[in-house]
Amino acid sequence: MHTDIFQLTGGQEDTKIIESRIIEILLSAGNQRSPLRPTELYNEGWMLRLILDWSERHAMFSHPLHFFKNARWCSEGLLASSFLPRFRGDPLAEAWTHADGVIGHFSVGNFGCGDISLADNAKQFVIVEAKLNSPLSTGTKNAPGFDQAARSVSCITEVLMRANRRPESLEKIGFLLLAPKLQLEKGVFSDLLSRDSVRGKVKERVRQYHGDKDAWYSDWFEPTLDAIEVRYFSWESLVDEAGQAYRAFYKKCLQSNRLSAPTGLTMDEDCRRIYQFVKQSRPRRIVTSSANRSCDGLAAEMESEDFDEEESSQQESLRRIDQ
């Protein structure tokens, strides 16, 4: 007979103790005796979650991360691709794409694995990509030239198509990139974010299917590309508006990832305001693809050998940090 572990260990009281310990361990990242690497907390993922949480509560209409009425956000949601495996070992296939952040009207986990589905009455659907010390990935294993920007826009197209929602029926569709100001000024991302680049990369991807994806391209992708907002914004512009605690947290992210902190960032106000965010965050917002291992349907499509360059670069970054 199944017995809830908390019935044996004190129930809600022990649950609160465990939750408090999780927060304390996480917030210890970066301290000399912490069991965690600083980058376990001070990374683009947590920076994005903090900014999305702030934006949901405070961002005005003119803010790039403005939330429409009844919109929500999540992190690490899964976006379907039009180029999923048609059969096992498909030489052209790619896996579902992890979205760093999603803003809009959608549901999560219809298949039980963090997948994103557009709501029937959706008016907003925005994908946010967060970068600190890495470029956009240049391709996948089976499509080396299919870069991250083109892939994201094509996945947005697929989500719209699966919901049978024409792109012109939504008020806002977007792919937004957040990165350090210095990288943006150097033009690290500008070429890949141009409409011509996205269109060309997707057109070449479709060409590999010898006509099977032509209708998808003309009927869904082209209208989506016409309607979508593709832009980039600096972390600095966002944390400056959010306030001192967010600027301090961003500075720690830069330091932990061995980047120079921009001038004007100070540590006068402690990052402990972040504690309240971690403590009060609603678990439903933070989604991972490993949340449910019983999703056989999705797992079959996400073949383990589909290992893209972005994942490889992330592992390489971790190796450099460990060294």
Protein backbone atom coordinates (compact mmCIF):
# COMPACT_ATOMS: atom_id res chain seq x y z
CA MET A 1 0.00 0.00 0.00
CA HIS A 2 1.32 3.45 -0.96
CA THR A 3 2.05 5.79 1.92
CA ASP A 4 2.81 9.46 1.40
CA ILE A 5 6.34 10.16 2.64
CA PHE A 6 5.16 13.28 4.43
CA GLN A 7 2.70 11.24 6.51
CA LEU A 8 5.72 9.47 7.92
CA THR A 9 7.92 12.51 8.44
CA GLY A 10 5.64 15.14 9.83
CA GLY A 11 3.53 16.25 6.87
CA GLN A 12 3.35 19.94 6.05
CA GLU A 13 5.85 20.97 8.71
CA ASP A 14 8.58 18.82 7.20
CA THR A 15 7.56 19.93 3.71
CA LYS A 16 8.23 23.53 4.73
CA ILE A 17 11.59 22.52 6.19
CA ILE A 18 12.59 20.84 2.93
CA GLU A 19 11.44 23.82 0.87
CA SER A 20 13.42 26.17 3.11
CA ARG A 21 16.52 24.01 2.76
CA ILE A 22 16.16 24.03 -1.03
CA ILE A 23 16.07 27.82 -1.00
CA GLU A 24 19.05 28.08 1.36
CA ILE A 25 21.15 25.65 -0.68
CA LEU A 26 20.30 27.45 -3.92
CA LEU A 27 21.05 30.88 -2.50
CA SER A 28 24.39 29.63 -1.19
CA ALA A 29 25.67 29.27 -4.77
CA GLY A 30 28.83 31.32 -5.12
CA ASN A 31 29.73 31.22 -1.44
CA GLN A 32 33.12 29.72 -0.65
CA ARG A 33 31.71 26.65 1.12
CA SER A 34 28.68 26.15 -1.11
CA PRO A 35 28.21 22.67 -2.64
CA LEU A 36 26.90 24.36 -5.81
CA ARG A 37 28.80 26.03 -8.60
CA PRO A 38 27.89 29.73 -8.88
CA THR A 39 26.42 29.08 -12.32
CA GLU A 40 23.77 26.80 -10.81
CA LEU A 41 21.96 30.00 -9.81
CA TYR A 42 23.72 32.88 -11.54
CA ASN A 43 22.94 32.03 -15.15
CA GLU A 44 20.79 33.26 -18.02
CA GLY A 45 18.00 30.82 -17.10
CA TRP A 46 17.43 32.29 -13.64
CA MET A 47 18.04 35.82 -14.89
CA LEU A 48 15.30 35.30 -17.45
CA ARG A 49 12.88 33.83 -14.89
CA LEU A 50 13.39 36.83 -12.64
CA ILE A 51 12.84 39.30 -15.49
CA LEU A 52 9.74 37.48 -16.73
CA ASP A 53 8.32 37.40 -13.21
CA TRP A 54 8.97 41.13 -12.82
CA SER A 55 7.54 41.89 -16.27
CA GLU A 56 4.34 39.98 -15.58
CA ARG A 57 3.72 42.18 -12.56
CA HIS A 58 5.10 45.54 -13.67
CA ALA A 59 5.80 45.86 -17.41
CA MET A 60 3.80 48.55 -19.17
CA PHE A 61 2.46 48.28 -22.71
CA SER A 62 5.60 49.83 -24.22
CA HIS A 63 7.90 47.33 -22.47
CA PRO A 64 9.32 44.62 -24.79
CA LEU A 65 8.13 41.92 -22.38
CA HIS A 66 4.66 43.35 -21.82
CA PHE A 67 2.05 40.72 -20.89
CA PHE A 68 -1.39 40.79 -22.46
CA LYS A 69 -4.39 40.29 -20.18
CA ASN A 70 -4.49 36.73 -18.79
CA ALA A 71 -1.12 35.91 -20.39
CA ARG A 72 1.31 33.68 -18.51
CA TRP A 73 4.92 32.61 -18.79
CA CYS A 74 6.96 29.45 -18.41
CA SER A 75 10.59 28.44 -18.83
CA GLU A 76 12.08 25.48 -20.65
CA GLY A 77 8.88 24.63 -22.48
CA LEU A 78 9.03 22.33 -25.50
CA LEU A 79 8.14 23.56 -28.98
CA ALA A 80 7.09 21.12 -31.67
CA SER A 81 9.00 21.09 -34.94
CA SER A 82 7.76 20.51 -38.45
CA PHE A 83 10.85 18.38 -38.95
CA LEU A 84 10.34 15.71 -36.30
CA PRO A 85 11.31 12.11 -37.20
CA ARG A 86 9.09 10.50 -39.82
CA PHE A 87 10.61 7.13 -38.98
CA ARG A 88 13.31 5.83 -36.67
CA GLY A 89 16.71 6.98 -37.83
CA ASP A 90 15.29 9.69 -40.10
CA PRO A 91 18.44 11.41 -41.47
CA LEU A 92 16.67 14.80 -41.76
CA ALA A 93 14.96 14.86 -38.36
CA GLU A 94 15.42 17.16 -35.39
CA ALA A 95 14.11 17.04 -31.82
CA TRP A 96 11.59 19.26 -30.12
CA THR A 97 13.11 22.66 -29.26
CA HIS A 98 13.52 23.96 -25.71
CA ALA A 99 12.31 27.54 -25.37
CA ASP A 100 14.15 29.48 -22.68
CA GLY A 101 10.99 31.46 -22.05
CA VAL A 102 7.44 31.62 -23.39
CA ILE A 103 4.98 34.50 -22.91
CA GLY A 104 1.35 34.44 -23.96
CA HIS A 105 -1.80 32.36 -23.98
CA PHE A 106 -0.94 28.68 -24.01
CA SER A 107 -1.14 25.45 -22.06
CA VAL A 108 1.73 23.28 -20.91
CA GLY A 109 2.00 19.51 -20.87
CA ASN A 110 -0.92 18.31 -22.95
CA PHE A 111 1.28 15.28 -23.65
CA GLY A 112 2.71 15.32 -20.12
CA CYS A 113 6.22 16.45 -20.99
CA GLY A 114 6.28 20.24 -20.91
CA ASP A 115 5.05 20.66 -24.48
CA ILE A 116 3.54 24.04 -25.40
CA SER A 117 0.10 24.25 -27.02
CA LEU A 118 -1.54 27.49 -28.10
CA ALA A 119 -4.81 28.39 -26.37
CA ASP A 120 -7.95 28.55 -28.50
CA ASN A 121 -8.41 32.25 -27.76
CA ALA A 122 -4.72 33.18 -27.81
CA LYS A 123 -3.80 36.76 -28.66
CA GLN A 124 -0.11 36.67 -27.69
CA PHE A 125 2.64 34.13 -28.29
CA VAL A 126 6.26 35.18 -27.76
CA ILE A 127 9.38 33.03 -27.48
CA VAL A 128 12.30 34.50 -25.53
CA GLU A 129 15.87 33.29 -25.98
CA ALA A 130 18.36 34.16 -23.21
CA LYS A 131 22.10 34.43 -23.82
CA LEU A 132 25.01 35.41 -21.59
CA ASN A 133 28.23 34.03 -22.96
CA SER A 134 27.27 32.04 -26.05
CA PRO A 135 26.08 32.70 -29.59
CA LEU A 136 22.96 31.30 -31.19
CA SER A 137 23.56 27.70 -32.20
CA THR A 138 24.41 27.39 -35.88
CA GLY A 139 22.53 24.19 -36.59
CA THR A 140 21.54 20.69 -35.61
CA LYS A 141 23.19 17.35 -36.23
CA ASN A 142 21.06 16.62 -39.30
CA ALA A 143 20.82 20.22 -40.51
CA PRO A 144 24.13 22.00 -39.83
CA GLY A 145 22.98 25.29 -41.35
CA PHE A 146 19.61 25.48 -39.64
CA ASP A 147 20.49 28.01 -36.95
CA GLN A 148 18.66 28.70 -33.72
CA ALA A 149 16.77 31.79 -34.89
CA ALA A 150 15.42 30.07 -38.02
CA ARG A 151 14.57 26.98 -35.99
CA SER A 152 12.69 28.99 -33.38
CA VAL A 153 10.58 30.83 -35.96
CA SER A 154 9.80 27.56 -37.71
CA CYS A 155 8.73 26.03 -34.36
CA ILE A 156 6.47 29.00 -33.67
CA THR A 157 4.94 28.33 -37.09
CA GLU A 158 4.38 24.68 -36.19
CA VAL A 159 2.70 25.56 -32.88
CA LEU A 160 0.33 27.89 -34.75
CA MET A 161 -0.43 25.27 -37.37
CA ARG A 162 -1.14 22.54 -34.81
CA ALA A 163 -3.61 24.88 -33.11
CA ASN A 164 -5.07 25.85 -36.49
CA ARG A 165 -4.55 29.52 -35.64
CA ARG A 166 -3.62 31.79 -38.51
CA PRO A 167 -0.74 34.11 -37.53
CA GLU A 168 -2.76 37.18 -38.51
CA SER A 169 -5.42 36.21 -35.95
CA LEU A 170 -3.03 36.90 -33.06
CA GLU A 171 -2.22 40.43 -31.95
CA LYS A 172 1.41 39.67 -31.13
CA ILE A 173 3.80 36.92 -32.23
CA GLY A 174 7.45 37.30 -31.38
CA PHE A 175 10.93 35.84 -31.12
CA LEU A 176 12.99 37.99 -28.76
CA LEU A 177 16.67 37.58 -27.91
CA LEU A 178 18.10 38.88 -24.63
CA ALA A 179 21.87 39.25 -24.42
CA PRO A 180 24.59 41.45 -22.88
CA LYS A 181 24.81 44.92 -24.39
CA LEU A 182 28.44 44.41 -25.38
CA GLN A 183 27.59 41.36 -27.49
CA LEU A 184 24.74 43.19 -29.20
CA GLU A 185 26.95 46.18 -29.99
CA LYS A 186 29.49 43.84 -31.58
CA GLY A 187 26.76 42.49 -33.87
CA VAL A 188 27.12 38.92 -32.65
CA PHE A 189 23.48 38.12 -33.40
CA SER A 190 22.26 40.67 -35.95
CA ASP A 191 22.90 38.65 -39.12
CA LEU A 192 21.03 35.57 -37.92
CA LEU A 193 18.04 37.64 -36.76
CA SER A 194 17.38 39.25 -40.12
CA ARG A 195 14.23 38.15 -41.95
CA ASP A 196 16.25 37.30 -45.05
CA SER A 197 18.48 34.97 -43.02
CA VAL A 198 15.53 33.25 -41.33
CA ARG A 199 13.65 32.88 -44.63
CA GLY A 200 16.69 31.49 -46.44
CA LYS A 201 17.56 28.95 -43.73
CA VAL A 202 13.99 27.65 -43.50
CA LYS A 203 13.62 27.52 -47.28
CA GLU A 204 16.77 25.41 -47.53
CA ARG A 205 15.51 23.14 -44.74
CA VAL A 206 12.23 22.64 -46.58
CA ARG A 207 14.05 21.94 -49.86
CA GLN A 208 15.58 18.82 -48.29
CA TYR A 209 12.10 17.25 -48.17
CA HIS A 210 11.62 17.41 -51.96
CA GLY A 211 8.16 18.96 -51.94
CA ASP A 212 6.68 17.34 -48.83
CA LYS A 213 6.98 20.57 -46.81
CA ASP A 214 6.22 23.08 -49.58
CA ALA A 215 2.60 23.60 -48.51
CA TRP A 216 3.66 24.13 -44.89
CA TYR A 217 6.20 26.71 -46.05
CA SER A 218 3.85 28.72 -48.26
CA ASP A 219 0.65 28.38 -46.23
CA TRP A 220 2.05 28.74 -42.73
CA PHE A 221 5.69 29.77 -42.52
CA GLU A 222 5.62 32.75 -44.88
CA PRO A 223 2.54 34.31 -43.22
CA THR A 224 4.10 33.73 -39.80
CA LEU A 225 7.37 35.39 -40.84
CA ASP A 226 5.37 38.37 -42.13
CA ALA A 227 3.53 38.70 -38.81
CA ILE A 228 6.29 37.94 -36.31
CA GLU A 229 8.40 40.45 -34.42
CA VAL A 230 12.07 39.39 -34.37
CA ARG A 231 14.14 41.67 -32.15
CA TYR A 232 16.89 41.74 -29.55
CA PHE A 233 17.22 43.65 -26.29
CA SER A 234 20.06 44.03 -23.82
CA TRP A 235 19.90 42.60 -20.32
CA GLU A 236 21.15 45.97 -19.10
CA SER A 237 18.09 47.82 -20.38
CA LEU A 238 15.78 45.35 -18.64
CA VAL A 239 17.52 45.12 -15.27
CA ASP A 240 17.92 48.90 -15.08
CA GLU A 241 14.15 49.28 -15.24
CA ALA A 242 13.52 46.38 -12.86
CA GLY A 243 15.67 47.85 -10.12
CA GLN A 244 18.82 47.57 -8.04
CA ALA A 245 18.36 43.99 -6.82
CA TYR A 246 18.02 42.78 -10.41
CA ARG A 247 21.11 44.74 -11.46
CA ALA A 248 23.03 43.13 -8.61
CA PHE A 249 21.87 39.66 -9.61
CA TYR A 250 22.84 40.35 -13.24
CA LYS A 251 26.30 41.46 -12.13
CA LYS A 252 26.74 38.14 -10.30
CA CYS A 253 25.66 36.33 -13.47
CA LEU A 254 28.33 38.14 -15.47
CA GLN A 255 31.01 37.46 -12.85
CA SER A 256 30.06 33.79 -12.50
CA ASN A 257 30.22 33.32 -16.27
CA ARG A 258 33.58 35.14 -16.44
CA LEU A 259 32.21 38.21 -18.17
CA SER A 260 33.01 41.79 -17.29
CA ALA A 261 30.30 43.62 -15.40
CA PRO A 262 29.21 46.82 -17.15
CA THR A 263 29.86 50.13 -15.46
CA GLY A 264 27.11 51.44 -13.24
CA LEU A 265 26.32 48.10 -11.60
CA THR A 266 26.89 48.04 -7.86
CA MET A 267 26.20 45.68 -5.00
CA ASP A 268 24.87 48.37 -2.62
CA GLU A 269 21.57 46.55 -2.21
CA ASP A 270 21.73 42.88 -1.31
CA CYS A 271 20.28 40.30 -3.70
CA ARG A 272 18.12 38.94 -0.89
CA ARG A 273 15.07 40.38 -2.61
CA ILE A 274 15.63 37.52 -5.01
CA TYR A 275 14.94 35.19 -2.07
CA GLN A 276 11.32 36.25 -2.10
CA PHE A 277 11.01 35.38 -5.78
CA VAL A 278 12.51 31.92 -5.33
CA LYS A 279 10.36 31.29 -2.25
CA GLN A 280 7.11 32.48 -3.80
CA SER A 281 7.57 31.17 -7.35
CA ARG A 282 4.70 29.03 -8.52
CA PRO A 283 6.03 25.58 -9.47
CA ARG A 284 3.66 25.39 -12.45
CA ARG A 285 5.72 28.01 -14.24
CA ILE A 286 9.00 26.14 -14.31
CA VAL A 287 8.78 23.31 -16.79
CA THR A 288 11.34 20.73 -17.80
CA SER A 289 11.19 18.04 -20.43
CA SER A 290 12.09 15.40 -17.85
CA ALA A 291 9.10 16.13 -15.62
CA ASN A 292 7.29 13.01 -16.75
CA ARG A 293 9.20 9.98 -18.01
CA SER A 294 6.03 8.19 -19.15
CA CYS A 295 5.57 10.29 -22.30
CA ASP A 296 6.32 7.52 -24.77
CA GLY A 297 4.80 9.39 -27.70
CA LEU A 298 7.02 12.43 -27.30
CA ALA A 299 10.07 10.41 -26.34
CA ALA A 300 9.83 8.41 -29.55
CA GLU A 301 9.98 11.60 -31.58
CA MET A 302 12.80 13.05 -29.53
CA GLU A 303 15.43 10.54 -30.56
CA SER A 304 18.45 10.46 -28.32
CA GLU A 305 20.90 10.69 -31.18
CA ASP A 306 19.58 14.10 -32.22
CA PHE A 307 22.28 16.00 -30.37
CA ASP A 308 22.54 19.57 -31.62
CA GLU A 309 25.37 22.07 -31.52
CA GLU A 310 23.72 24.15 -28.82
CA GLU A 311 23.80 21.22 -26.38
CA SER A 312 27.39 20.51 -27.36
CA SER A 313 28.43 24.13 -26.78
CA GLN A 314 26.72 24.14 -23.38
CA GLN A 315 28.68 21.08 -22.31
CA GLU A 316 31.88 22.65 -23.62
CA SER A 317 31.15 25.79 -21.56
CA LEU A 318 30.71 23.65 -18.44
CA ARG A 319 34.01 21.88 -19.14
CA ARG A 320 35.77 25.25 -19.39
CA ILE A 321 34.26 26.39 -16.10
CA ASP A 322 35.27 23.15 -14.37
CA GLN A 323 38.83 23.59 -15.60
